[in-house]
Amino acid sequence: MSKEKALGPVGSVAVVGVDLGGQSVRAAAVRPNGHMSEMVSLPSRARDGAQAVVGQVVAAVKEAIAKAGLGTADVGAVGMAVPGHIDPVSGVIYWSPNFGETRGGKFEIFLDVPFAQPIACELGIATYAGNDANVAALGEFGMLEPQGITDIVLFTLGTGIGGGVVSSGRLVTGSTGGAVEIGHHVIVAGGQKCGCGTLGCMEAYCGTDAILDRALRMIERNRASLLWDMIEGDKTTLTPKMISEAADRGDETALDVWEETGYYLGIGMANAVNFFNPQLVVLGGQIRNATGLIAAAERSLRRHAIYSLAKTCRVVEAQLGDVAGVMGGAELARRSRG
């Protein structure tokens, strides 16, 4: 992304996008032409309570505005990508397991915490918040909309499986902002236990832990695999990156890991196609780069989805990478401001 010198006149109305994570809060000003200023990153203080987190967000936004050579009067709105269940109307965090405060020796997560409004009051700028995966989908959609795209489903592949849906140009959020927990729809009835407590979730088959478990089972069956040599017998050292590297070198076991992962991923993608009839299924997250994964997932999608829906849908890779949250926050601010 270009830095501020390429952003155009200071007097134009900008928005600020914020990506709040368990380790850091990142913010940047974004001009109407889509160009992003220099990114600001501060510790999020996720375990120090709501007041501390609000303070860090406010500080990051102020610094981003200053770095862009703007004043608060030049900023129309702030949009935030926040992990967890966020009400997009009130800006209240109903639930966010990575944020909270230790009281009496016990860590208490954020539950029903007012969030957007205190930040708006501190800044004097209208502030909006949404679930981080949903907001990332909105960011990707903002890049695609000029191409005539109206409907997308985003999957983010990593430790967990997140996602979001834009349908007919509108972000799908549900009645209280909790819609499209796409990693937790069931793809195998009575299957593997997921971290959410349910059996058979997509995340239980396609998240990082599931991929590593799958690889270790396959290595046990074939210790001639390059992967066994790479971990030198220590199973705790195995990473998705190792599996990708072995697949790049043609190791059959590693390729089988991504083939099987793609099979389950494709079932989830097919369900999304059947539910939402998108023009694009967009895959984000580092795991999408694994050799053979996307091809396997697309084969599975087309095997499991309704033919007439699948034939009008393409599978593409996400474009925004690690700035999806910030750019999505900016898009949320722009749309919410009207």
C-alpha atoms as a PDB file:
ATOM      1  CA  MET A   1       0.000   0.000   0.000  1.00  0.00           C
ATOM      2  CA  SER A   2       1.183   3.523  -0.773  1.00  0.00           C
ATOM      3  CA  LYS A   3       2.242   5.822   2.005  1.00  0.00           C
ATOM      4  CA  GLU A   4       0.709   9.225   2.734  1.00  0.00           C
ATOM      5  CA  LYS A   5       2.624  11.169   0.103  1.00  0.00           C
ATOM      6  CA  ALA A   6       0.537   9.370  -2.538  1.00  0.00           C
ATOM      7  CA  LEU A   7      -2.821   9.927  -0.887  1.00  0.00           C
ATOM      8  CA  GLY A   8      -4.011  13.187  -2.381  1.00  0.00           C
ATOM      9  CA  PRO A   9      -5.071  16.494  -0.808  1.00  0.00           C
ATOM     10  CA  VAL A  10      -5.189  16.786   2.973  1.00  0.00           C
ATOM     11  CA  GLY A  11      -8.569  18.479   2.834  1.00  0.00           C
ATOM     12  CA  SER A  12     -10.381  15.401   1.473  1.00  0.00           C
ATOM     13  CA  VAL A  13     -12.548  13.414   3.890  1.00  0.00           C
ATOM     14  CA  ALA A  14     -10.799  10.273   5.093  1.00  0.00           C
ATOM     15  CA  VAL A  15     -11.794   7.391   7.327  1.00  0.00           C
ATOM     16  CA  VAL A  16      -9.676   5.382   9.757  1.00  0.00           C
ATOM     17  CA  GLY A  17      -9.556   1.592   9.725  1.00  0.00           C
ATOM     18  CA  VAL A  18      -8.620  -0.317  12.881  1.00  0.00           C
ATOM     19  CA  ASP A  19      -7.662  -3.974  13.257  1.00  0.00           C
ATOM     20  CA  LEU A  20      -7.789  -5.054  16.905  1.00  0.00           C
ATOM     21  CA  GLY A  21      -5.999  -8.271  17.825  1.00  0.00           C
ATOM     22  CA  GLY A  22      -4.914 -10.099  20.935  1.00  0.00           C
ATOM     23  CA  GLN A  23      -1.359  -8.776  20.638  1.00  0.00           C
ATOM     24  CA  SER A  24      -1.677  -5.451  18.828  1.00  0.00           C
ATOM     25  CA  VAL A  25      -4.023  -2.785  17.560  1.00  0.00           C
ATOM     26  CA  ARG A  26      -3.235  -1.413  14.107  1.00  0.00           C
ATOM     27  CA  ALA A  27      -4.718   1.670  12.512  1.00  0.00           C
ATOM     28  CA  ALA A  28      -4.349   3.706   9.334  1.00  0.00           C
ATOM     29  CA  ALA A  29      -6.116   6.570   7.597  1.00  0.00           C
ATOM     30  CA  VAL A  30      -7.663   5.682   4.244  1.00  0.00           C
ATOM     31  CA  ARG A  31      -8.522   8.300   1.618  1.00  0.00           C
ATOM     32  CA  PRO A  32     -11.619   8.211  -0.600  1.00  0.00           C
ATOM     33  CA  ASN A  33      -9.405   6.916  -3.429  1.00  0.00           C
ATOM     34  CA  GLY A  34      -8.579   3.836  -1.318  1.00  0.00           C
ATOM     35  CA  HIS A  35      -4.972   4.720  -0.590  1.00  0.00           C
ATOM     36  CA  MET A  36      -3.802   3.914   2.919  1.00  0.00           C
ATOM     37  CA  SER A  37      -1.480   6.027   5.039  1.00  0.00           C
ATOM     38  CA  GLU A  38       1.380   4.717   7.145  1.00  0.00           C
ATOM     39  CA  MET A  39       0.244   1.975   9.521  1.00  0.00           C
ATOM     40  CA  VAL A  40       0.390   2.521  13.281  1.00  0.00           C
ATOM     41  CA  SER A  41       0.766  -0.474  15.587  1.00  0.00           C
ATOM     42  CA  LEU A  42       0.500  -0.428  19.386  1.00  0.00           C
ATOM     43  CA  PRO A  43       0.114  -3.188  22.001  1.00  0.00           C
ATOM     44  CA  SER A  44      -3.584  -3.943  22.444  1.00  0.00           C
ATOM     45  CA  ARG A  45      -3.320  -4.716  26.198  1.00  0.00           C
ATOM     46  CA  ALA A  46      -5.982  -7.352  25.602  1.00  0.00           C
ATOM     47  CA  ARG A  47      -5.813  -8.783  29.125  1.00  0.00           C
ATOM     48  CA  ASP A  48      -5.779  -5.472  30.999  1.00  0.00           C
ATOM     49  CA  GLY A  49      -9.497  -4.688  30.870  1.00  0.00           C
ATOM     50  CA  ALA A  50     -11.836  -2.648  28.713  1.00  0.00           C
ATOM     51  CA  GLN A  51     -10.552   0.774  29.730  1.00  0.00           C
ATOM     52  CA  ALA A  52      -6.987  -0.145  28.790  1.00  0.00           C
ATOM     53  CA  VAL A  53      -8.015  -1.570  25.398  1.00  0.00           C
ATOM     54  CA  VAL A  54     -10.167   1.460  24.618  1.00  0.00           C
ATOM     55  CA  GLY A  55      -7.221   3.691  25.500  1.00  0.00           C
ATOM     56  CA  GLN A  56      -4.910   1.826  23.130  1.00  0.00           C
ATOM     57  CA  VAL A  57      -7.406   2.027  20.259  1.00  0.00           C
ATOM     58  CA  VAL A  58      -7.878   5.743  20.814  1.00  0.00           C
ATOM     59  CA  ALA A  59      -4.114   6.293  20.918  1.00  0.00           C
ATOM     60  CA  ALA A  60      -3.605   4.284  17.714  1.00  0.00           C
ATOM     61  CA  VAL A  61      -6.311   6.212  15.864  1.00  0.00           C
ATOM     62  CA  LYS A  62      -4.941   9.578  16.972  1.00  0.00           C
ATOM     63  CA  GLU A  63      -1.431   8.606  15.908  1.00  0.00           C
ATOM     64  CA  ALA A  64      -2.702   7.349  12.535  1.00  0.00           C
ATOM     65  CA  ILE A  65      -4.528  10.629  11.930  1.00  0.00           C
ATOM     66  CA  ALA A  66      -1.421  12.614  12.827  1.00  0.00           C
ATOM     67  CA  LYS A  67       0.860  10.485  10.626  1.00  0.00           C
ATOM     68  CA  ALA A  68      -1.496  11.121   7.711  1.00  0.00           C
ATOM     69  CA  GLY A  69      -1.154  14.869   8.240  1.00  0.00           C
ATOM     70  CA  LEU A  70      -4.840  15.165   9.132  1.00  0.00           C
ATOM     71  CA  GLY A  71      -6.929  16.521  11.944  1.00  0.00           C
ATOM     72  CA  THR A  72     -10.029  14.954  13.453  1.00  0.00           C
ATOM     73  CA  ALA A  73     -12.188  17.288  11.357  1.00  0.00           C
ATOM     74  CA  ASP A  74     -10.766  15.625   8.235  1.00  0.00           C
ATOM     75  CA  VAL A  75     -11.933  12.164   9.372  1.00  0.00           C
ATOM     76  CA  GLY A  76     -15.521  11.156   8.705  1.00  0.00           C
ATOM     77  CA  ALA A  77     -15.613   7.926  10.729  1.00  0.00           C
ATOM     78  CA  VAL A  78     -13.622   5.132  12.332  1.00  0.00           C
ATOM     79  CA  GLY A  79     -14.316   1.463  11.584  1.00  0.00           C
ATOM     80  CA  MET A  80     -12.950  -1.396  13.669  1.00  0.00           C
ATOM     81  CA  ALA A  81     -12.405  -5.120  13.082  1.00  0.00           C
ATOM     82  CA  VAL A  82     -12.800  -6.775  16.493  1.00  0.00           C
ATOM     83  CA  PRO A  83     -12.501 -10.516  17.369  1.00  0.00           C
ATOM     84  CA  GLY A  84     -15.619 -12.077  18.811  1.00  0.00           C
ATOM     85  CA  HIS A  85     -19.350 -11.350  18.741  1.00  0.00           C
ATOM     86  CA  ILE A  86     -19.913  -7.633  18.210  1.00  0.00           C
ATOM     87  CA  ASP A  87     -23.257  -5.889  17.791  1.00  0.00           C
ATOM     88  CA  PRO A  88     -22.776  -3.741  14.663  1.00  0.00           C
ATOM     89  CA  VAL A  89     -25.511  -1.298  15.733  1.00  0.00           C
ATOM     90  CA  SER A  90     -24.603  -0.632  19.370  1.00  0.00           C
ATOM     91  CA  GLY A  91     -20.897  -1.477  19.100  1.00  0.00           C
ATOM     92  CA  VAL A  92     -21.160  -3.633  22.242  1.00  0.00           C
ATOM     93  CA  ILE A  93     -18.826  -6.624  22.521  1.00  0.00           C
ATOM     94  CA  TYR A  94     -21.118  -9.441  23.599  1.00  0.00           C
ATOM     95  CA  TRP A  95     -18.301 -11.983  23.797  1.00  0.00           C
ATOM     96  CA  SER A  96     -14.598 -11.959  22.989  1.00  0.00           C
ATOM     97  CA  PRO A  97     -12.506 -14.751  24.520  1.00  0.00           C
ATOM     98  CA  ASN A  98      -9.089 -13.148  23.930  1.00  0.00           C
ATOM     99  CA  PHE A  99      -9.942  -9.949  25.771  1.00  0.00           C
ATOM    100  CA  GLY A 100     -10.674  -9.441  29.427  1.00  0.00           C
ATOM    101  CA  GLU A 101      -9.249  -8.762  32.863  1.00  0.00           C
ATOM    102  CA  THR A 102      -7.969 -10.783  35.800  1.00  0.00           C
ATOM    103  CA  ARG A 103     -10.102 -10.353  38.898  1.00  0.00           C
ATOM    104  CA  GLY A 104      -9.509 -12.303  42.072  1.00  0.00           C
ATOM    105  CA  GLY A 105      -6.950 -14.451  40.310  1.00  0.00           C
ATOM    106  CA  LYS A 106      -9.423 -15.422  37.564  1.00  0.00           C
ATOM    107  CA  PHE A 107      -9.347 -14.176  33.972  1.00  0.00           C
ATOM    108  CA  GLU A 108     -12.791 -12.875  33.013  1.00  0.00           C
ATOM    109  CA  ILE A 109     -13.392 -12.411  29.297  1.00  0.00           C
ATOM    110  CA  PHE A 110     -15.227  -9.493  27.713  1.00  0.00           C
ATOM    111  CA  LEU A 111     -18.988 -10.026  28.029  1.00  0.00           C
ATOM    112  CA  ASP A 112     -21.468  -7.247  27.140  1.00  0.00           C
ATOM    113  CA  VAL A 113     -18.758  -4.585  27.094  1.00  0.00           C
ATOM    114  CA  PRO A 114     -19.651  -1.179  25.550  1.00  0.00           C
ATOM    115  CA  PHE A 115     -16.849  -0.526  23.083  1.00  0.00           C
ATOM    116  CA  ALA A 116     -17.509   1.635  20.029  1.00  0.00           C
ATOM    117  CA  GLN A 117     -19.312   4.369  21.962  1.00  0.00           C
ATOM    118  CA  PRO A 118     -16.532   5.064  24.523  1.00  0.00           C
ATOM    119  CA  ILE A 119     -14.032   5.295  21.659  1.00  0.00           C
ATOM    120  CA  ALA A 120     -16.314   7.651  19.724  1.00  0.00           C
ATOM    121  CA  CYS A 121     -16.653   9.865  22.804  1.00  0.00           C
ATOM    122  CA  GLU A 122     -12.871  10.007  23.320  1.00  0.00           C
ATOM    123  CA  LEU A 123     -12.174  10.825  19.668  1.00  0.00           C
ATOM    124  CA  GLY A 124     -15.176  12.978  18.827  1.00  0.00           C
ATOM    125  CA  ILE A 125     -15.564  10.869  15.663  1.00  0.00           C
ATOM    126  CA  ALA A 126     -18.367   8.452  14.744  1.00  0.00           C
ATOM    127  CA  THR A 127     -17.045   4.934  15.428  1.00  0.00           C
ATOM    128  CA  TYR A 128     -18.337   1.564  14.234  1.00  0.00           C
ATOM    129  CA  ALA A 129     -17.278  -2.006  15.017  1.00  0.00           C
ATOM    130  CA  GLY A 130     -17.834  -5.463  13.580  1.00  0.00           C
ATOM    131  CA  ASN A 131     -16.546  -9.012  13.863  1.00  0.00           C
ATOM    132  CA  ASP A 132     -13.011  -9.200  12.463  1.00  0.00           C
ATOM    133  CA  ALA A 133     -13.713 -11.914   9.872  1.00  0.00           C
ATOM    134  CA  ASN A 134     -16.879 -10.185   8.671  1.00  0.00           C
ATOM    135  CA  VAL A 135     -15.025  -6.889   8.396  1.00  0.00           C
ATOM    136  CA  ALA A 136     -12.176  -8.565   6.494  1.00  0.00           C
ATOM    137  CA  ALA A 137     -14.773  -9.863   4.011  1.00  0.00           C
ATOM    138  CA  LEU A 138     -16.025  -6.315   3.593  1.00  0.00           C
ATOM    139  CA  GLY A 139     -12.461  -5.175   2.917  1.00  0.00           C
ATOM    140  CA  GLU A 140     -11.956  -7.799   0.230  1.00  0.00           C
ATOM    141  CA  PHE A 141     -15.330  -6.894  -1.263  1.00  0.00           C
ATOM    142  CA  GLY A 142     -14.296  -3.250  -1.464  1.00  0.00           C
ATOM    143  CA  MET A 143     -11.463  -4.322  -3.777  1.00  0.00           C
ATOM    144  CA  LEU A 144     -13.781  -6.432  -5.942  1.00  0.00           C
ATOM    145  CA  GLU A 145     -16.885  -4.256  -6.179  1.00  0.00           C
ATOM    146  CA  PRO A 146     -15.506  -2.055  -9.002  1.00  0.00           C
ATOM    147  CA  GLN A 147     -15.253  -5.241 -11.109  1.00  0.00           C
ATOM    148  CA  GLY A 148     -19.021  -5.744 -10.909  1.00  0.00           C
ATOM    149  CA  ILE A 149     -18.867  -8.255  -8.063  1.00  0.00           C
ATOM    150  CA  THR A 150     -21.883  -8.189  -5.726  1.00  0.00           C
ATOM    151  CA  ASP A 151     -21.696 -11.498  -3.823  1.00  0.00           C
ATOM    152  CA  ILE A 152     -18.721 -13.166  -2.136  1.00  0.00           C
ATOM    153  CA  VAL A 153     -17.970 -15.646   0.633  1.00  0.00           C
ATOM    154  CA  LEU A 154     -14.601 -15.278   2.385  1.00  0.00           C
ATOM    155  CA  PHE A 155     -12.856 -18.121   4.234  1.00  0.00           C
ATOM    156  CA  THR A 156      -9.817 -17.279   6.350  1.00  0.00           C
ATOM    157  CA  LEU A 157      -7.630 -20.338   6.909  1.00  0.00           C
ATOM    158  CA  GLY A 158      -5.381 -20.444   9.936  1.00  0.00           C
ATOM    159  CA  THR A 159      -5.388 -21.628  13.542  1.00  0.00           C
ATOM    160  CA  GLY A 160      -9.150 -21.341  13.271  1.00  0.00           C
ATOM    161  CA  ILE A 161     -11.472 -20.951  10.313  1.00  0.00           C
ATOM    162  CA  GLY A 162     -13.187 -17.599  10.007  1.00  0.00           C
ATOM    163  CA  GLY A 163     -15.177 -16.000   7.261  1.00  0.00           C
ATOM    164  CA  GLY A 164     -17.729 -13.517   6.124  1.00  0.00           C
ATOM    165  CA  VAL A 165     -20.384 -13.043   3.465  1.00  0.00           C
ATOM    166  CA  VAL A 166     -21.350 -10.094   1.317  1.00  0.00           C
ATOM    167  CA  SER A 167     -24.702 -10.686  -0.393  1.00  0.00           C
ATOM    168  CA  SER A 168     -26.133  -8.257  -2.966  1.00  0.00           C
ATOM    169  CA  GLY A 169     -23.510  -5.748  -1.866  1.00  0.00           C
ATOM    170  CA  ARG A 170     -24.412  -5.933   1.820  1.00  0.00           C
ATOM    171  CA  LEU A 171     -22.430  -7.500   4.642  1.00  0.00           C
ATOM    172  CA  VAL A 172     -24.372 -10.327   6.283  1.00  0.00           C
ATOM    173  CA  THR A 173     -24.260  -9.770  10.052  1.00  0.00           C
ATOM    174  CA  GLY A 174     -27.441 -11.340  11.414  1.00  0.00           C
ATOM    175  CA  SER A 175     -29.754  -9.869  14.048  1.00  0.00           C
ATOM    176  CA  THR A 176     -27.003  -9.150  16.603  1.00  0.00           C
ATOM    177  CA  GLY A 177     -23.818  -9.275  14.538  1.00  0.00           C
ATOM    178  CA  GLY A 178     -23.082 -12.964  15.139  1.00  0.00           C
ATOM    179  CA  ALA A 179     -23.805 -14.342  11.676  1.00  0.00           C
ATOM    180  CA  VAL A 180     -21.434 -16.399   9.511  1.00  0.00           C
ATOM    181  CA  GLU A 181     -19.442 -18.350  12.087  1.00  0.00           C
ATOM    182  CA  ILE A 182     -18.477 -20.344   9.041  1.00  0.00           C
ATOM    183  CA  GLY A 183     -15.746 -22.358  10.735  1.00  0.00           C
ATOM    184  CA  HIS A 184     -18.316 -23.796  13.124  1.00  0.00           C
ATOM    185  CA  HIS A 185     -20.872 -25.179  10.742  1.00  0.00           C
ATOM    186  CA  VAL A 186     -20.920 -28.978  10.902  1.00  0.00           C
ATOM    187  CA  ILE A 187     -19.493 -30.839   7.913  1.00  0.00           C
ATOM    188  CA  VAL A 188     -19.233 -34.315   9.535  1.00  0.00           C
ATOM    189  CA  ALA A 189     -22.142 -35.277  11.793  1.00  0.00           C
ATOM    190  CA  GLY A 190     -20.802 -36.716  15.046  1.00  0.00           C
ATOM    191  CA  GLY A 191     -17.250 -36.095  13.884  1.00  0.00           C
ATOM    192  CA  GLN A 192     -14.099 -34.734  15.504  1.00  0.00           C
ATOM    193  CA  LYS A 193     -14.563 -32.538  18.565  1.00  0.00           C
ATOM    194  CA  CYS A 194     -14.034 -28.833  17.896  1.00  0.00           C
ATOM    195  CA  GLY A 195     -12.641 -26.268  20.308  1.00  0.00           C
ATOM    196  CA  CYS A 196     -16.113 -24.708  20.454  1.00  0.00           C
ATOM    197  CA  GLY A 197     -17.442 -27.939  22.010  1.00  0.00           C
ATOM    198  CA  THR A 198     -19.424 -29.149  18.991  1.00  0.00           C
ATOM    199  CA  LEU A 199     -18.649 -32.301  17.018  1.00  0.00           C
ATOM    200  CA  GLY A 200     -17.745 -32.199  13.326  1.00  0.00           C
ATOM    201  CA  CYS A 201     -17.173 -28.479  12.740  1.00  0.00           C
ATOM    202  CA  MET A 202     -15.277 -27.374   9.671  1.00  0.00           C
ATOM    203  CA  GLU A 203     -12.577 -25.943  11.940  1.00  0.00           C
ATOM    204  CA  ALA A 204     -12.088 -29.384  13.508  1.00  0.00           C
ATOM    205  CA  TYR A 205     -11.081 -30.681  10.064  1.00  0.00           C
ATOM    206  CA  CYS A 206      -9.381 -27.690   8.425  1.00  0.00           C
ATOM    207  CA  GLY A 207      -7.817 -25.632  11.230  1.00  0.00           C
ATOM    208  CA  THR A 208      -4.096 -25.798  12.010  1.00  0.00           C
ATOM    209  CA  ASP A 209      -4.428 -28.388  14.794  1.00  0.00           C
ATOM    210  CA  ALA A 210      -6.494 -30.654  12.550  1.00  0.00           C
ATOM    211  CA  ILE A 211      -3.936 -30.387   9.750  1.00  0.00           C
ATOM    212  CA  LEU A 212      -1.071 -31.267  12.095  1.00  0.00           C
ATOM    213  CA  ASP A 213      -2.987 -34.220  13.584  1.00  0.00           C
ATOM    214  CA  ARG A 214      -3.741 -35.472  10.080  1.00  0.00           C
ATOM    215  CA  ALA A 215      -0.099 -35.183   9.052  1.00  0.00           C
ATOM    216  CA  LEU A 216       1.149 -36.996  12.148  1.00  0.00           C
ATOM    217  CA  ARG A 217      -1.245 -39.899  11.563  1.00  0.00           C
ATOM    218  CA  MET A 218      -0.046 -40.163   7.965  1.00  0.00           C
ATOM    219  CA  ILE A 219       3.611 -39.988   8.980  1.00  0.00           C
ATOM    220  CA  GLU A 220       3.077 -42.885  11.407  1.00  0.00           C
ATOM    221  CA  ARG A 221       1.826 -44.954   8.487  1.00  0.00           C
ATOM    222  CA  ASN A 222       4.748 -43.923   6.280  1.00  0.00           C
ATOM    223  CA  ARG A 223       7.982 -43.084   8.074  1.00  0.00           C
ATOM    224  CA  ALA A 224       9.734 -43.008   4.716  1.00  0.00           C
ATOM    225  CA  SER A 225       8.088 -39.617   4.276  1.00  0.00           C
ATOM    226  CA  LEU A 226      10.339 -36.588   4.013  1.00  0.00           C
ATOM    227  CA  LEU A 227       8.312 -35.127   6.869  1.00  0.00           C
ATOM    228  CA  TRP A 228       9.684 -37.733   9.288  1.00  0.00           C
ATOM    229  CA  ASP A 229      13.206 -36.640   8.429  1.00  0.00           C
ATOM    230  CA  MET A 230      12.270 -32.971   8.770  1.00  0.00           C
ATOM    231  CA  ILE A 231      10.954 -33.370  12.309  1.00  0.00           C
ATOM    232  CA  GLU A 232      13.823 -35.714  13.253  1.00  0.00           C
ATOM    233  CA  GLY A 233      11.423 -37.906  15.194  1.00  0.00           C
ATOM    234  CA  ASP A 234      10.104 -35.049  17.347  1.00  0.00           C
ATOM    235  CA  LYS A 235       6.415 -34.717  16.490  1.00  0.00           C
ATOM    236  CA  THR A 236       6.057 -31.507  18.479  1.00  0.00           C
ATOM    237  CA  THR A 237       8.178 -29.620  15.935  1.00  0.00           C
ATOM    238  CA  LEU A 238       5.866 -30.214  12.980  1.00  0.00           C
ATOM    239  CA  THR A 239       4.367 -27.055  11.418  1.00  0.00           C
ATOM    240  CA  PRO A 240       2.093 -26.361   8.438  1.00  0.00           C
ATOM    241  CA  LYS A 241       5.061 -24.650   6.804  1.00  0.00           C
ATOM    242  CA  MET A 242       7.048 -27.918   6.960  1.00  0.00           C
ATOM    243  CA  ILE A 243       4.164 -29.777   5.350  1.00  0.00           C
ATOM    244  CA  SER A 244       4.028 -27.158   2.588  1.00  0.00           C
ATOM    245  CA  GLU A 245       7.776 -27.380   2.012  1.00  0.00           C
ATOM    246  CA  ALA A 246       7.624 -31.181   1.799  1.00  0.00           C
ATOM    247  CA  ALA A 247       4.712 -30.960  -0.638  1.00  0.00           C
ATOM    248  CA  ASP A 248       6.713 -28.533  -2.776  1.00  0.00           C
ATOM    249  CA  ARG A 249       9.431 -31.206  -2.927  1.00  0.00           C
ATOM    250  CA  GLY A 250       6.928 -33.814  -4.081  1.00  0.00           C
ATOM    251  CA  ASP A 251       6.558 -35.776  -0.838  1.00  0.00           C
ATOM    252  CA  GLU A 252       3.492 -37.986  -1.263  1.00  0.00           C
ATOM    253  CA  THR A 253       2.494 -37.922   2.394  1.00  0.00           C
ATOM    254  CA  ALA A 254       2.568 -34.123   2.504  1.00  0.00           C
ATOM    255  CA  LEU A 255       0.573 -33.934  -0.723  1.00  0.00           C
ATOM    256  CA  ASP A 256      -1.961 -36.364   0.777  1.00  0.00           C
ATOM    257  CA  VAL A 257      -2.319 -34.096   3.828  1.00  0.00           C
ATOM    258  CA  TRP A 258      -3.313 -31.170   1.632  1.00  0.00           C
ATOM    259  CA  GLU A 259      -5.532 -33.354  -0.558  1.00  0.00           C
ATOM    260  CA  GLU A 260      -7.520 -34.569   2.446  1.00  0.00           C
ATOM    261  CA  THR A 261      -7.647 -31.101   3.999  1.00  0.00           C
ATOM    262  CA  GLY A 262      -8.878 -29.722   0.680  1.00  0.00           C
ATOM    263  CA  TYR A 263     -11.594 -32.376   0.549  1.00  0.00           C
ATOM    264  CA  TYR A 264     -13.087 -31.177   3.843  1.00  0.00           C
ATOM    265  CA  LEU A 265     -12.516 -27.524   3.032  1.00  0.00           C
ATOM    266  CA  GLY A 266     -14.349 -28.044  -0.236  1.00  0.00           C
ATOM    267  CA  ILE A 267     -17.384 -29.467   1.567  1.00  0.00           C
ATOM    268  CA  GLY A 268     -17.587 -26.292   3.627  1.00  0.00           C
ATOM    269  CA  MET A 269     -17.118 -24.162   0.523  1.00  0.00           C
ATOM    270  CA  ALA A 270     -19.849 -26.125  -1.283  1.00  0.00           C
ATOM    271  CA  ASN A 271     -22.254 -25.527   1.593  1.00  0.00           C
ATOM    272  CA  ALA A 272     -21.500 -21.805   1.382  1.00  0.00           C
ATOM    273  CA  VAL A 273     -22.132 -21.845  -2.371  1.00  0.00           C
ATOM    274  CA  ASN A 274     -25.447 -23.632  -1.822  1.00  0.00           C
ATOM    275  CA  PHE A 275     -26.447 -21.193   0.934  1.00  0.00           C
ATOM    276  CA  PHE A 276     -25.398 -17.881  -0.620  1.00  0.00           C
ATOM    277  CA  ASN A 277     -24.957 -18.367  -4.402  1.00  0.00           C
ATOM    278  CA  PRO A 278     -21.810 -16.185  -4.523  1.00  0.00           C
ATOM    279  CA  GLN A 279     -19.905 -15.132  -7.617  1.00  0.00           C
ATOM    280  CA  LEU A 280     -16.641 -15.716  -5.756  1.00  0.00           C
ATOM    281  CA  VAL A 281     -15.357 -17.883  -2.929  1.00  0.00           C
ATOM    282  CA  VAL A 282     -12.356 -15.978  -1.600  1.00  0.00           C
ATOM    283  CA  LEU A 283      -9.647 -17.838   0.337  1.00  0.00           C
ATOM    284  CA  GLY A 284      -7.456 -15.924   2.771  1.00  0.00           C
ATOM    285  CA  GLY A 285      -4.893 -16.834   5.420  1.00  0.00           C
ATOM    286  CA  GLN A 286      -1.410 -18.270   5.028  1.00  0.00           C
ATOM    287  CA  ILE A 287      -2.521 -21.896   4.795  1.00  0.00           C
ATOM    288  CA  ARG A 288      -4.186 -21.229   1.436  1.00  0.00           C
ATOM    289  CA  ASN A 289      -0.672 -21.127  -0.107  1.00  0.00           C
ATOM    290  CA  ALA A 290      -0.074 -24.845   0.544  1.00  0.00           C
ATOM    291  CA  THR A 291       0.758 -26.796  -2.610  1.00  0.00           C
ATOM    292  CA  GLY A 292      -2.318 -28.531  -3.978  1.00  0.00           C
ATOM    293  CA  LEU A 293      -4.748 -27.299  -1.311  1.00  0.00           C
ATOM    294  CA  ILE A 294      -6.834 -24.913  -3.407  1.00  0.00           C
ATOM    295  CA  ALA A 295      -7.039 -27.341  -6.326  1.00  0.00           C
ATOM    296  CA  ALA A 296      -8.216 -30.125  -4.002  1.00  0.00           C
ATOM    297  CA  ALA A 297     -10.734 -27.818  -2.316  1.00  0.00           C
ATOM    298  CA  GLU A 298     -12.158 -26.693  -5.642  1.00  0.00           C
ATOM    299  CA  ARG A 299     -12.555 -30.283  -6.827  1.00  0.00           C
ATOM    300  CA  SER A 300     -14.431 -31.081  -3.627  1.00  0.00           C
ATOM    301  CA  LEU A 301     -16.567 -27.957  -3.923  1.00  0.00           C
ATOM    302  CA  ARG A 302     -17.686 -28.874  -7.429  1.00  0.00           C
ATOM    303  CA  ARG A 303     -18.378 -32.440  -6.320  1.00  0.00           C
ATOM    304  CA  HIS A 304     -20.620 -31.365  -3.439  1.00  0.00           C
ATOM    305  CA  ALA A 305     -22.295 -28.127  -4.554  1.00  0.00           C
ATOM    306  CA  ILE A 306     -25.407 -27.812  -6.707  1.00  0.00           C
ATOM    307  CA  TYR A 307     -24.127 -27.749 -10.281  1.00  0.00           C
ATOM    308  CA  SER A 308     -26.036 -24.675 -11.452  1.00  0.00           C
ATOM    309  CA  LEU A 309     -24.694 -22.661  -8.485  1.00  0.00           C
ATOM    310  CA  ALA A 310     -21.129 -23.948  -8.684  1.00  0.00           C
ATOM    311  CA  LYS A 311     -20.734 -23.287 -12.405  1.00  0.00           C
ATOM    312  CA  THR A 312     -21.204 -19.526 -11.916  1.00  0.00           C
ATOM    313  CA  CYS A 313     -18.809 -19.354  -8.945  1.00  0.00           C
ATOM    314  CA  ARG A 314     -15.044 -18.934  -9.060  1.00  0.00           C
ATOM    315  CA  VAL A 315     -12.502 -19.677  -6.325  1.00  0.00           C
ATOM    316  CA  VAL A 316      -9.933 -16.900  -5.905  1.00  0.00           C
ATOM    317  CA  GLU A 317      -7.269 -15.904  -3.404  1.00  0.00           C
ATOM    318  CA  ALA A 318      -7.681 -12.927  -1.096  1.00  0.00           C
ATOM    319  CA  GLN A 319      -5.846  -9.781  -2.157  1.00  0.00           C
ATOM    320  CA  LEU A 320      -5.384  -7.751   1.017  1.00  0.00           C
ATOM    321  CA  GLY A 321      -3.263 -10.080   3.141  1.00  0.00           C
ATOM    322  CA  ASP A 322      -2.507  -8.728   6.603  1.00  0.00           C
ATOM    323  CA  VAL A 323      -4.130  -5.342   5.926  1.00  0.00           C
ATOM    324  CA  ALA A 324      -7.591  -6.876   5.374  1.00  0.00           C
ATOM    325  CA  GLY A 325      -8.751  -5.873   8.860  1.00  0.00           C
ATOM    326  CA  VAL A 326      -7.636  -2.258   8.520  1.00  0.00           C
ATOM    327  CA  MET A 327      -9.007  -1.863   4.993  1.00  0.00           C
ATOM    328  CA  GLY A 328     -12.193  -3.640   6.038  1.00  0.00           C
ATOM    329  CA  GLY A 329     -12.532  -1.307   9.001  1.00  0.00           C
ATOM    330  CA  ALA A 330     -12.156   1.642   6.650  1.00  0.00           C
ATOM    331  CA  GLU A 331     -14.832   0.196   4.350  1.00  0.00           C
ATOM    332  CA  LEU A 332     -17.132  -0.347   7.355  1.00  0.00           C
ATOM    333  CA  ALA A 333     -16.614   3.266   8.415  1.00  0.00           C
ATOM    334  CA  ARG A 334     -17.293   4.554   4.912  1.00  0.00           C
ATOM    335  CA  ARG A 335     -20.493   2.526   4.492  1.00  0.00           C
ATOM    336  CA  SER A 336     -21.797   3.179   8.009  1.00  0.00           C
ATOM    337  CA  ARG A 337     -21.225   6.898   7.661  1.00  0.00           C
ATOM    338  CA  GLY A 338     -23.349   6.898   4.478  1.00  0.00           C
END
